[in-house]
Amino acid sequence: MNRAVFTLRNIGGRPTPEVTVTGEIDVSNADDFAQSVGELPGTRPIILELSRLQYLDSAGFAALDRLLAQGTAVVVISPESLVHKAAELINLPFHHDAEAARRVLQQG
């Protein structure tokens, strides 16, 4: 089995840290993903933009669940995303765009 690869890209210049995640998250790298997100500098929660992911398995969803429970991140997944339907099916709390996530965070 090949190891899946993900990339975190910090989008600077925003009051709330925003990170775009690309690639694949599966059992081979889900723990590394969660650790990488947890080690990002800045205030919490961060906006975690997942719309460009190509693949996300149950281990990846479990890692997201832990990040959400810790208050580390809020998740963005656009309706056009390859992982959108799966996120809906498991009732993952997410926003359709970063602006909606920012509004919710500002409201407290």
PDB file of N, CA and C in Angstrom:
ATOM      1  N   MET A   1       0.838  -1.176   0.000  1.00  0.00           N
ATOM      2  CA  MET A   1       0.000   0.000   0.000  1.00  0.00           C
ATOM      3  C   MET A   1       0.884   1.239   0.000  1.00  0.00           C
ATOM      4  N   ASN A   2       0.641   2.150  -0.893  1.00  0.00           N
ATOM      5  CA  ASN A   2       1.373   3.408  -0.937  1.00  0.00           C
ATOM      6  C   ASN A   2       0.854   4.346   0.140  1.00  0.00           C
ATOM      7  N   ARG A   3       1.746   5.134   0.659  1.00  0.00           N
ATOM      8  CA  ARG A   3       1.367   6.110   1.677  1.00  0.00           C
ATOM      9  C   ARG A   3       0.718   7.312   0.998  1.00  0.00           C
ATOM     10  N   ALA A   4      -0.441   7.713   1.508  1.00  0.00           N
ATOM     11  CA  ALA A   4      -1.126   8.886   0.984  1.00  0.00           C
ATOM     12  C   ALA A   4      -0.356  10.142   1.385  1.00  0.00           C
ATOM     13  N   VAL A   5      -0.507  11.184   0.613  1.00  0.00           N
ATOM     14  CA  VAL A   5       0.211  12.429   0.856  1.00  0.00           C
ATOM     15  C   VAL A   5      -0.790  13.573   0.922  1.00  0.00           C
ATOM     16  N   PHE A   6      -0.600  14.453   1.887  1.00  0.00           N
ATOM     17  CA  PHE A   6      -1.412  15.660   1.985  1.00  0.00           C
ATOM     18  C   PHE A   6      -0.483  16.853   2.073  1.00  0.00           C
ATOM     19  N   THR A   7      -1.027  18.026   1.763  1.00  0.00           N
ATOM     20  CA  THR A   7      -0.277  19.273   1.866  1.00  0.00           C
ATOM     21  C   THR A   7      -1.138  20.280   2.606  1.00  0.00           C
ATOM     22  N   LEU A   8      -0.549  20.985   3.565  1.00  0.00           N
ATOM     23  CA  LEU A   8      -1.214  22.071   4.262  1.00  0.00           C
ATOM     24  C   LEU A   8      -0.645  23.374   3.728  1.00  0.00           C
ATOM     25  N   ARG A   9      -1.518  24.289   3.356  1.00  0.00           N
ATOM     26  CA  ARG A   9      -1.061  25.588   2.862  1.00  0.00           C
ATOM     27  C   ARG A   9      -1.757  26.671   3.664  1.00  0.00           C
ATOM     28  N   ASN A  10      -0.979  27.427   4.426  1.00  0.00           N
ATOM     29  CA  ASN A  10      -1.519  28.492   5.249  1.00  0.00           C
ATOM     30  C   ASN A  10      -1.840  29.697   4.374  1.00  0.00           C
ATOM     31  N   ILE A  11      -3.061  30.178   4.477  1.00  0.00           N
ATOM     32  CA  ILE A  11      -3.475  31.366   3.735  1.00  0.00           C
ATOM     33  C   ILE A  11      -3.303  32.546   4.675  1.00  0.00           C
ATOM     34  N   GLY A  12      -2.271  33.339   4.456  1.00  0.00           N
ATOM     35  CA  GLY A  12      -1.919  34.428   5.361  1.00  0.00           C
ATOM     36  C   GLY A  12      -2.814  35.647   5.223  1.00  0.00           C
ATOM     37  N   GLY A  13      -2.623  36.588   6.144  1.00  0.00           N
ATOM     38  CA  GLY A  13      -3.318  37.860   6.081  1.00  0.00           C
ATOM     39  C   GLY A  13      -4.762  37.819   6.543  1.00  0.00           C
ATOM     40  N   ARG A  14      -5.133  36.819   7.287  1.00  0.00           N
ATOM     41  CA  ARG A  14      -6.510  36.695   7.763  1.00  0.00           C
ATOM     42  C   ARG A  14      -6.495  36.706   9.294  1.00  0.00           C
ATOM     43  N   PRO A  15      -7.520  37.327   9.924  1.00  0.00           N
ATOM     44  CA  PRO A  15      -7.551  37.336  11.390  1.00  0.00           C
ATOM     45  C   PRO A  15      -7.691  35.936  11.982  1.00  0.00           C
ATOM     46  N   THR A  16      -8.466  35.089  11.349  1.00  0.00           N
ATOM     47  CA  THR A  16      -8.584  33.691  11.769  1.00  0.00           C
ATOM     48  C   THR A  16      -7.713  32.865  10.842  1.00  0.00           C
ATOM     49  N   PRO A  17      -6.782  32.085  11.383  1.00  0.00           N
ATOM     50  CA  PRO A  17      -5.928  31.268  10.512  1.00  0.00           C
ATOM     51  C   PRO A  17      -6.762  30.365   9.607  1.00  0.00           C
ATOM     52  N   GLU A  18      -6.368  30.298   8.353  1.00  0.00           N
ATOM     53  CA  GLU A  18      -7.064  29.461   7.372  1.00  0.00           C
ATOM     54  C   GLU A  18      -6.031  28.607   6.636  1.00  0.00           C
ATOM     55  N   VAL A  19      -6.302  27.319   6.577  1.00  0.00           N
ATOM     56  CA  VAL A  19      -5.378  26.377   5.958  1.00  0.00           C
ATOM     57  C   VAL A  19      -6.126  25.550   4.936  1.00  0.00           C
ATOM     58  N   THR A  20      -5.571  25.473   3.729  1.00  0.00           N
ATOM     59  CA  THR A  20      -6.127  24.632   2.678  1.00  0.00           C
ATOM     60  C   THR A  20      -5.382  23.304   2.672  1.00  0.00           C
ATOM     61  N   VAL A  21      -6.143  22.215   2.629  1.00  0.00           N
ATOM     62  CA  VAL A  21      -5.560  20.875   2.620  1.00  0.00           C
ATOM     63  C   VAL A  21      -5.804  20.256   1.253  1.00  0.00           C
ATOM     64  N   THR A  22      -4.764  19.729   0.639  1.00  0.00           N
ATOM     65  CA  THR A  22      -4.882  19.046  -0.647  1.00  0.00           C
ATOM     66  C   THR A  22      -4.290  17.655  -0.525  1.00  0.00           C
ATOM     67  N   GLY A  23      -4.602  16.813  -1.486  1.00  0.00           N
ATOM     68  CA  GLY A  23      -4.051  15.469  -1.506  1.00  0.00           C
ATOM     69  C   GLY A  23      -5.029  14.444  -0.987  1.00  0.00           C
ATOM     70  N   GLU A  24      -4.505  13.479  -0.230  1.00  0.00           N
ATOM     71  CA  GLU A  24      -5.299  12.370   0.285  1.00  0.00           C
ATOM     72  C   GLU A  24      -4.987  12.166   1.765  1.00  0.00           C
ATOM     73  N   ILE A  25      -6.026  11.851   2.527  1.00  0.00           N
ATOM     74  CA  ILE A  25      -5.845  11.506   3.936  1.00  0.00           C
ATOM     75  C   ILE A  25      -6.502  10.150   4.148  1.00  0.00           C
ATOM     76  N   ASP A  26      -5.687   9.199   4.584  1.00  0.00           N
ATOM     77  CA  ASP A  26      -6.203   7.855   4.856  1.00  0.00           C
ATOM     78  C   ASP A  26      -5.479   7.275   6.066  1.00  0.00           C
ATOM     79  N   VAL A  27      -5.678   5.994   6.289  1.00  0.00           N
ATOM     80  CA  VAL A  27      -5.110   5.348   7.468  1.00  0.00           C
ATOM     81  C   VAL A  27      -3.581   5.480   7.523  1.00  0.00           C
ATOM     82  N   SER A  28      -2.940   5.633   6.386  1.00  0.00           N
ATOM     83  CA  SER A  28      -1.478   5.713   6.367  1.00  0.00           C
ATOM     84  C   SER A  28      -0.942   7.054   6.859  1.00  0.00           C
ATOM     85  N   ASN A  29      -1.777   8.100   6.879  1.00  0.00           N
ATOM     86  CA  ASN A  29      -1.265   9.412   7.276  1.00  0.00           C
ATOM     87  C   ASN A  29      -2.228  10.229   8.133  1.00  0.00           C
ATOM     88  N   ALA A  30      -3.342   9.665   8.563  1.00  0.00           N
ATOM     89  CA  ALA A  30      -4.347  10.422   9.312  1.00  0.00           C
ATOM     90  C   ALA A  30      -3.785  10.973  10.624  1.00  0.00           C
ATOM     91  N   ASP A  31      -2.986  10.180  11.335  1.00  0.00           N
ATOM     92  CA  ASP A  31      -2.398  10.670  12.587  1.00  0.00           C
ATOM     93  C   ASP A  31      -1.409  11.808  12.325  1.00  0.00           C
ATOM     94  N   ASP A  32      -0.617  11.688  11.273  1.00  0.00           N
ATOM     95  CA  ASP A  32       0.315  12.766  10.901  1.00  0.00           C
ATOM     96  C   ASP A  32      -0.454  14.032  10.535  1.00  0.00           C
ATOM     97  N   PHE A  33      -1.558  13.861   9.829  1.00  0.00           N
ATOM     98  CA  PHE A  33      -2.406  15.000   9.461  1.00  0.00           C
ATOM     99  C   PHE A  33      -2.899  15.714  10.718  1.00  0.00           C
ATOM    100  N   ALA A  34      -3.498  14.968  11.644  1.00  0.00           N
ATOM    101  CA  ALA A  34      -4.032  15.574  12.863  1.00  0.00           C
ATOM    102  C   ALA A  34      -2.927  16.270  13.659  1.00  0.00           C
ATOM    103  N   GLN A  35      -1.771  15.634  13.749  1.00  0.00           N
ATOM    104  CA  GLN A  35      -0.651  16.236  14.470  1.00  0.00           C
ATOM    105  C   GLN A  35      -0.182  17.511  13.768  1.00  0.00           C
ATOM    106  N   SER A  36      -0.088  17.490  12.447  1.00  0.00           N
ATOM    107  CA  SER A  36       0.346  18.663  11.689  1.00  0.00           C
ATOM    108  C   SER A  36      -0.610  19.835  11.888  1.00  0.00           C
ATOM    109  N   VAL A  37      -1.899  19.559  11.864  1.00  0.00           N
ATOM    110  CA  VAL A  37      -2.887  20.616  12.074  1.00  0.00           C
ATOM    111  C   VAL A  37      -2.774  21.147  13.502  1.00  0.00           C
ATOM    112  N   GLY A  38      -2.631  20.256  14.464  1.00  0.00           N
ATOM    113  CA  GLY A  38      -2.517  20.673  15.857  1.00  0.00           C
ATOM    114  C   GLY A  38      -1.293  21.521  16.138  1.00  0.00           C
ATOM    115  N   GLU A  39      -0.234  21.330  15.364  1.00  0.00           N
ATOM    116  CA  GLU A  39       1.015  22.070  15.570  1.00  0.00           C
ATOM    117  C   GLU A  39       1.085  23.391  14.804  1.00  0.00           C
ATOM    118  N   LEU A  40       0.070  23.693  14.001  1.00  0.00           N
ATOM    119  CA  LEU A  40       0.075  24.952  13.264  1.00  0.00           C
ATOM    120  C   LEU A  40       0.050  26.125  14.237  1.00  0.00           C
ATOM    121  N   PRO A  41       0.822  27.180  13.946  1.00  0.00           N
ATOM    122  CA  PRO A  41       0.821  28.342  14.836  1.00  0.00           C
ATOM    123  C   PRO A  41      -0.465  29.150  14.669  1.00  0.00           C
ATOM    124  N   GLY A  42      -0.768  29.940  15.662  1.00  0.00           N
ATOM    125  CA  GLY A  42      -1.909  30.843  15.574  1.00  0.00           C
ATOM    126  C   GLY A  42      -3.016  30.487  16.537  1.00  0.00           C
ATOM    127  N   THR A  43      -4.033  31.316  16.512  1.00  0.00           N
ATOM    128  CA  THR A  43      -5.173  31.131  17.403  1.00  0.00           C
ATOM    129  C   THR A  43      -6.021  29.951  16.955  1.00  0.00           C
ATOM    130  N   ARG A  44      -6.865  29.508  17.853  1.00  0.00           N
ATOM    131  CA  ARG A  44      -7.776  28.404  17.577  1.00  0.00           C
ATOM    132  C   ARG A  44      -9.198  28.881  17.742  1.00  0.00           C
ATOM    133  N   PRO A  45     -10.106  28.343  17.010  1.00  0.00           N
ATOM    134  CA  PRO A  45      -9.930  27.318  15.984  1.00  0.00           C
ATOM    135  C   PRO A  45      -9.448  27.923  14.674  1.00  0.00           C
ATOM    136  N   ILE A  46      -8.817  27.088  13.876  1.00  0.00           N
ATOM    137  CA  ILE A  46      -8.434  27.489  12.533  1.00  0.00           C
ATOM    138  C   ILE A  46      -9.527  27.047  11.569  1.00  0.00           C
ATOM    139  N   ILE A  47      -9.569  27.674  10.422  1.00  0.00           N
ATOM    140  CA  ILE A  47     -10.480  27.253   9.360  1.00  0.00           C
ATOM    141  C   ILE A  47      -9.719  26.267   8.499  1.00  0.00           C
ATOM    142  N   LEU A  48     -10.231  25.056   8.422  1.00  0.00           N
ATOM    143  CA  LEU A  48      -9.586  23.974   7.696  1.00  0.00           C
ATOM    144  C   LEU A  48     -10.368  23.726   6.410  1.00  0.00           C
ATOM    145  N   GLU A  49      -9.836  24.207   5.289  1.00  0.00           N
ATOM    146  CA  GLU A  49     -10.484  24.111   3.978  1.00  0.00           C
ATOM    147  C   GLU A  49     -10.118  22.776   3.332  1.00  0.00           C
ATOM    148  N   LEU A  50     -11.098  21.876   3.246  1.00  0.00           N
ATOM    149  CA  LEU A  50     -10.862  20.522   2.743  1.00  0.00           C
ATOM    150  C   LEU A  50     -11.433  20.280   1.351  1.00  0.00           C
ATOM    151  N   SER A  51     -11.944  21.294   0.704  1.00  0.00           N
ATOM    152  CA  SER A  51     -12.645  21.122  -0.575  1.00  0.00           C
ATOM    153  C   SER A  51     -11.781  20.561  -1.691  1.00  0.00           C
ATOM    154  N   ARG A  52     -10.467  20.712  -1.576  1.00  0.00           N
ATOM    155  CA  ARG A  52      -9.580  20.244  -2.650  1.00  0.00           C
ATOM    156  C   ARG A  52      -8.980  18.861  -2.378  1.00  0.00           C
ATOM    157  N   LEU A  53      -9.426  18.209  -1.292  1.00  0.00           N
ATOM    158  CA  LEU A  53      -8.956  16.844  -1.034  1.00  0.00           C
ATOM    159  C   LEU A  53      -9.430  15.919  -2.150  1.00  0.00           C
ATOM    160  N   GLN A  54      -8.572  14.981  -2.501  1.00  0.00           N
ATOM    161  CA  GLN A  54      -8.919  13.982  -3.510  1.00  0.00           C
ATOM    162  C   GLN A  54      -9.490  12.718  -2.885  1.00  0.00           C
ATOM    163  N   TYR A  55      -9.169  12.488  -1.591  1.00  0.00           N
ATOM    164  CA  TYR A  55      -9.610  11.272  -0.924  1.00  0.00           C
ATOM    165  C   TYR A  55      -9.555  11.473   0.579  1.00  0.00           C
ATOM    166  N   LEU A  56     -10.539  10.941   1.287  1.00  0.00           N
ATOM    167  CA  LEU A  56     -10.594  11.010   2.737  1.00  0.00           C
ATOM    168  C   LEU A  56     -11.312   9.765   3.227  1.00  0.00           C
ATOM    169  N   ASP A  57     -10.592   8.875   3.931  1.00  0.00           N
ATOM    170  CA  ASP A  57     -11.230   7.635   4.390  1.00  0.00           C
ATOM    171  C   ASP A  57     -11.692   7.776   5.839  1.00  0.00           C
ATOM    172  N   SER A  58     -12.149   6.666   6.413  1.00  0.00           N
ATOM    173  CA  SER A  58     -12.702   6.707   7.770  1.00  0.00           C
ATOM    174  C   SER A  58     -11.663   7.141   8.799  1.00  0.00           C
ATOM    175  N   ALA A  59     -10.406   6.790   8.614  1.00  0.00           N
ATOM    176  CA  ALA A  59      -9.358   7.244   9.534  1.00  0.00           C
ATOM    177  C   ALA A  59      -9.196   8.759   9.446  1.00  0.00           C
ATOM    178  N   GLY A  60      -9.321   9.309   8.242  1.00  0.00           N
ATOM    179  CA  GLY A  60      -9.265  10.759   8.072  1.00  0.00           C
ATOM    180  C   GLY A  60     -10.443  11.453   8.727  1.00  0.00           C
ATOM    181  N   PHE A  61     -11.636  10.870   8.564  1.00  0.00           N
ATOM    182  CA  PHE A  61     -12.808  11.442   9.231  1.00  0.00           C
ATOM    183  C   PHE A  61     -12.670  11.359  10.746  1.00  0.00           C
ATOM    184  N   ALA A  62     -12.100  10.271  11.263  1.00  0.00           N
ATOM    185  CA  ALA A  62     -11.891  10.141  12.705  1.00  0.00           C
ATOM    186  C   ALA A  62     -10.908  11.211  13.204  1.00  0.00           C
ATOM    187  N   ALA A  63      -9.864  11.474  12.426  1.00  0.00           N
ATOM    188  CA  ALA A  63      -8.906  12.527  12.786  1.00  0.00           C
ATOM    189  C   ALA A  63      -9.599  13.890  12.814  1.00  0.00           C
ATOM    190  N   LEU A  64     -10.454  14.149  11.839  1.00  0.00           N
ATOM    191  CA  LEU A  64     -11.212  15.399  11.820  1.00  0.00           C
ATOM    192  C   LEU A  64     -12.125  15.497  13.030  1.00  0.00           C
ATOM    193  N   ASP A  65     -12.764  14.408  13.360  1.00  0.00           N
ATOM    194  CA  ASP A  65     -13.652  14.370  14.527  1.00  0.00           C
ATOM    195  C   ASP A  65     -12.897  14.764  15.791  1.00  0.00           C
ATOM    196  N   ARG A  66     -11.683  14.253  15.950  1.00  0.00           N
ATOM    197  CA  ARG A  66     -10.869  14.602  17.117  1.00  0.00           C
ATOM    198  C   ARG A  66     -10.501  16.089  17.120  1.00  0.00           C
ATOM    199  N   LEU A  67     -10.118  16.614  15.950  1.00  0.00           N
ATOM    200  CA  LEU A  67      -9.774  18.032  15.854  1.00  0.00           C
ATOM    201  C   LEU A  67     -10.974  18.913  16.189  1.00  0.00           C
ATOM    202  N   LEU A  68     -12.145  18.529  15.715  1.00  0.00           N
ATOM    203  CA  LEU A  68     -13.361  19.290  16.011  1.00  0.00           C
ATOM    204  C   LEU A  68     -13.685  19.229  17.506  1.00  0.00           C
ATOM    205  N   ALA A  69     -13.572  18.061  18.102  1.00  0.00           N
ATOM    206  CA  ALA A  69     -13.879  17.887  19.523  1.00  0.00           C
ATOM    207  C   ALA A  69     -12.926  18.703  20.402  1.00  0.00           C
ATOM    208  N   GLN A  70     -11.686  18.866  19.957  1.00  0.00           N
ATOM    209  CA  GLN A  70     -10.684  19.632  20.709  1.00  0.00           C
ATOM    210  C   GLN A  70     -10.836  21.138  20.487  1.00  0.00           C
ATOM    211  N   GLY A  71     -11.691  21.545  19.555  1.00  0.00           N
ATOM    212  CA  GLY A  71     -11.836  22.960  19.244  1.00  0.00           C
ATOM    213  C   GLY A  71     -10.684  23.507  18.434  1.00  0.00           C
ATOM    214  N   THR A  72      -9.925  22.614  17.809  1.00  0.00           N
ATOM    215  CA  THR A  72      -8.756  23.004  17.035  1.00  0.00           C
ATOM    216  C   THR A  72      -9.135  23.615  15.691  1.00  0.00           C
ATOM    217  N   ALA A  73     -10.237  23.140  15.103  1.00  0.00           N
ATOM    218  CA  ALA A  73     -10.572  23.552  13.735  1.00  0.00           C
ATOM    219  C   ALA A  73     -12.077  23.603  13.512  1.00  0.00           C
ATOM    220  N   VAL A  74     -12.452  24.414  12.529  1.00  0.00           N
ATOM    221  CA  VAL A  74     -13.764  24.339  11.903  1.00  0.00           C
ATOM    222  C   VAL A  74     -13.498  23.924  10.467  1.00  0.00           C
ATOM    223  N   VAL A  75     -14.407  23.178   9.893  1.00  0.00           N
ATOM    224  CA  VAL A  75     -14.164  22.544   8.603  1.00  0.00           C
ATOM    225  C   VAL A  75     -15.001  23.205   7.509  1.00  0.00           C
ATOM    226  N   VAL A  76     -14.362  23.361   6.340  1.00  0.00           N
ATOM    227  CA  VAL A  76     -15.034  23.856   5.140  1.00  0.00           C
ATOM    228  C   VAL A  76     -14.923  22.789   4.060  1.00  0.00           C
ATOM    229  N   ILE A  77     -16.080  22.423   3.492  1.00  0.00           N
ATOM    230  CA  ILE A  77     -16.115  21.486   2.371  1.00  0.00           C
ATOM    231  C   ILE A  77     -17.181  21.996   1.400  1.00  0.00           C
ATOM    232  N   SER A  78     -16.774  22.407   0.219  1.00  0.00           N
ATOM    233  CA  SER A  78     -17.726  22.942  -0.757  1.00  0.00           C
ATOM    234  C   SER A  78     -18.583  21.820  -1.340  1.00  0.00           C
ATOM    235  N   PRO A  79     -19.771  22.169  -1.816  1.00  0.00           N
ATOM    236  CA  PRO A  79     -20.649  21.153  -2.418  1.00  0.00           C
ATOM    237  C   PRO A  79     -20.027  20.441  -3.624  1.00  0.00           C
ATOM    238  N   GLU A  80     -19.068  21.050  -4.289  1.00  0.00           N
ATOM    239  CA  GLU A  80     -18.426  20.461  -5.457  1.00  0.00           C
ATOM    240  C   GLU A  80     -17.297  19.503  -5.088  1.00  0.00           C
ATOM    241  N   SER A  81     -16.947  19.450  -3.830  1.00  0.00           N
ATOM    242  CA  SER A  81     -15.819  18.638  -3.372  1.00  0.00           C
ATOM    243  C   SER A  81     -16.089  17.144  -3.530  1.00  0.00           C
ATOM    244  N   LEU A  82     -15.016  16.410  -3.778  1.00  0.00           N
ATOM    245  CA  LEU A  82     -15.118  14.951  -3.887  1.00  0.00           C
ATOM    246  C   LEU A  82     -15.499  14.293  -2.561  1.00  0.00           C
ATOM    247  N   VAL A  83     -15.246  14.956  -1.441  1.00  0.00           N
ATOM    248  CA  VAL A  83     -15.542  14.365  -0.137  1.00  0.00           C
ATOM    249  C   VAL A  83     -16.824  14.918   0.494  1.00  0.00           C
ATOM    250  N   HIS A  84     -17.514  15.790  -0.204  1.00  0.00           N
ATOM    251  CA  HIS A  84     -18.711  16.436   0.330  1.00  0.00           C
ATOM    252  C   HIS A  84     -19.794  15.437   0.711  1.00  0.00           C
ATOM    253  N   LYS A  85     -20.133  14.543  -0.170  1.00  0.00           N
ATOM    254  CA  LYS A  85     -21.223  13.597   0.075  1.00  0.00           C
ATOM    255  C   LYS A  85     -20.920  12.708   1.285  1.00  0.00           C
ATOM    256  N   ALA A  86     -19.697  12.222   1.381  1.00  0.00           N
ATOM    257  CA  ALA A  86     -19.320  11.389   2.520  1.00  0.00           C
ATOM    258  C   ALA A  86     -19.414  12.183   3.818  1.00  0.00           C
ATOM    259  N   ALA A  87     -18.995  13.447   3.809  1.00  0.00           N
ATOM    260  CA  ALA A  87     -19.077  14.292   5.003  1.00  0.00           C
ATOM    261  C   ALA A  87     -20.531  14.480   5.431  1.00  0.00           C
ATOM    262  N   GLU A  88     -21.403  14.660   4.455  1.00  0.00           N
ATOM    263  CA  GLU A  88     -22.833  14.771   4.758  1.00  0.00           C
ATOM    264  C   GLU A  88     -23.370  13.475   5.354  1.00  0.00           C
ATOM    265  N   LEU A  89     -23.001  12.344   4.767  1.00  0.00           N
ATOM    266  CA  LEU A  89     -23.520  11.051   5.220  1.00  0.00           C
ATOM    267  C   LEU A  89     -23.149  10.742   6.668  1.00  0.00           C
ATOM    268  N   ILE A  90     -21.986  11.178   7.103  1.00  0.00           N
ATOM    269  CA  ILE A  90     -21.588  10.895   8.488  1.00  0.00           C
ATOM    270  C   ILE A  90     -21.914  12.058   9.430  1.00  0.00           C
ATOM    271  N   ASN A  91     -22.612  13.063   8.918  1.00  0.00           N
ATOM    272  CA  ASN A  91     -23.013  14.229   9.717  1.00  0.00           C
ATOM    273  C   ASN A  91     -21.834  14.996  10.299  1.00  0.00           C
ATOM    274  N   LEU A  92     -20.753  15.091   9.534  1.00  0.00           N
ATOM    275  CA  LEU A  92     -19.617  15.892   9.957  1.00  0.00           C
ATOM    276  C   LEU A  92     -20.043  17.358   9.957  1.00  0.00           C
ATOM    277  N   PRO A  93     -19.822  18.090  11.037  1.00  0.00           N
ATOM    278  CA  PRO A  93     -20.171  19.512  11.014  1.00  0.00           C
ATOM    279  C   PRO A  93     -19.183  20.282  10.128  1.00  0.00           C
ATOM    280  N   PHE A  94     -19.705  20.925   9.097  1.00  0.00           N
ATOM    281  CA  PHE A  94     -18.848  21.696   8.200  1.00  0.00           C
ATOM    282  C   PHE A  94     -19.635  22.843   7.579  1.00  0.00           C
ATOM    283  N   HIS A  95     -18.887  23.764   6.983  1.00  0.00           N
ATOM    284  CA  HIS A  95     -19.458  24.915   6.280  1.00  0.00           C
ATOM    285  C   HIS A  95     -19.151  24.755   4.803  1.00  0.00           C
ATOM    286  N   HIS A  96     -19.963  25.390   3.959  1.00  0.00           N
ATOM    287  CA  HIS A  96     -19.769  25.280   2.513  1.00  0.00           C
ATOM    288  C   HIS A  96     -18.692  26.224   1.979  1.00  0.00           C
ATOM    289  N   ASP A  97     -18.357  27.262   2.750  1.00  0.00           N
ATOM    290  CA  ASP A  97     -17.284  28.159   2.318  1.00  0.00           C
ATOM    291  C   ASP A  97     -16.651  28.814   3.536  1.00  0.00           C
ATOM    292  N   ALA A  98     -15.464  29.360   3.325  1.00  0.00           N
ATOM    293  CA  ALA A  98     -14.695  29.939   4.427  1.00  0.00           C
ATOM    294  C   ALA A  98     -15.388  31.169   5.005  1.00  0.00           C
ATOM    295  N   GLU A  99     -16.076  31.922   4.173  1.00  0.00           N
ATOM    296  CA  GLU A  99     -16.778  33.115   4.664  1.00  0.00           C
ATOM    297  C   GLU A  99     -17.851  32.731   5.682  1.00  0.00           C
ATOM    298  N   ALA A 100     -18.596  31.677   5.410  1.00  0.00           N
ATOM    299  CA  ALA A 100     -19.615  31.204   6.359  1.00  0.00           C
ATOM    300  C   ALA A 100     -18.957  30.760   7.663  1.00  0.00           C
ATOM    301  N   ALA A 101     -17.836  30.083   7.572  1.00  0.00           N
ATOM    302  CA  ALA A 101     -17.115  29.653   8.776  1.00  0.00           C
ATOM    303  C   ALA A 101     -16.643  30.858   9.582  1.00  0.00           C
ATOM    304  N   ARG A 102     -16.120  31.883   8.899  1.00  0.00           N
ATOM    305  CA  ARG A 102     -15.663  33.097   9.585  1.00  0.00           C
ATOM    306  C   ARG A 102     -16.818  33.794  10.296  1.00  0.00           C
ATOM    307  N   ARG A 103     -17.977  33.860   9.639  1.00  0.00           N
ATOM    308  CA  ARG A 103     -19.137  34.507  10.262  1.00  0.00           C
ATOM    309  C   ARG A 103     -19.538  33.777  11.556  1.00  0.00           C
ATOM    310  N   VAL A 104     -19.564  32.469  11.518  1.00  0.00           N
ATOM    311  CA  VAL A 104     -19.926  31.683  12.707  1.00  0.00           C
ATOM    312  C   VAL A 104     -18.904  31.918  13.812  1.00  0.00           C
ATOM    313  N   LEU A 105     -17.633  31.952  13.481  1.00  0.00           N
ATOM    314  CA  LEU A 105     -16.595  32.171  14.489  1.00  0.00           C
ATOM    315  C   LEU A 105     -16.705  33.582  15.095  1.00  0.00           C
ATOM    316  N   GLN A 106     -17.033  34.569  14.281  1.00  0.00           N
ATOM    317  CA  GLN A 106     -17.174  35.933  14.781  1.00  0.00           C
ATOM    318  C   GLN A 106     -18.355  36.070  15.722  1.00  0.00           C
ATOM    319  N   GLN A 107     -19.402  35.284  15.483  1.00  0.00           N
ATOM    320  CA  GLN A 107     -20.597  35.342  16.327  1.00  0.00           C
ATOM    321  C   GLN A 107     -20.359  34.656  17.671  1.00  0.00           C
ATOM    322  N   GLY A 108     -19.290  33.875  17.742  1.00  0.00           N
ATOM    323  CA  GLY A 108     -18.918  33.220  18.994  1.00  0.00           C
ATOM    324  C   GLY A 108     -19.662  31.957  19.189  1.00  0.00           C
TER     325      GLY A 108
END
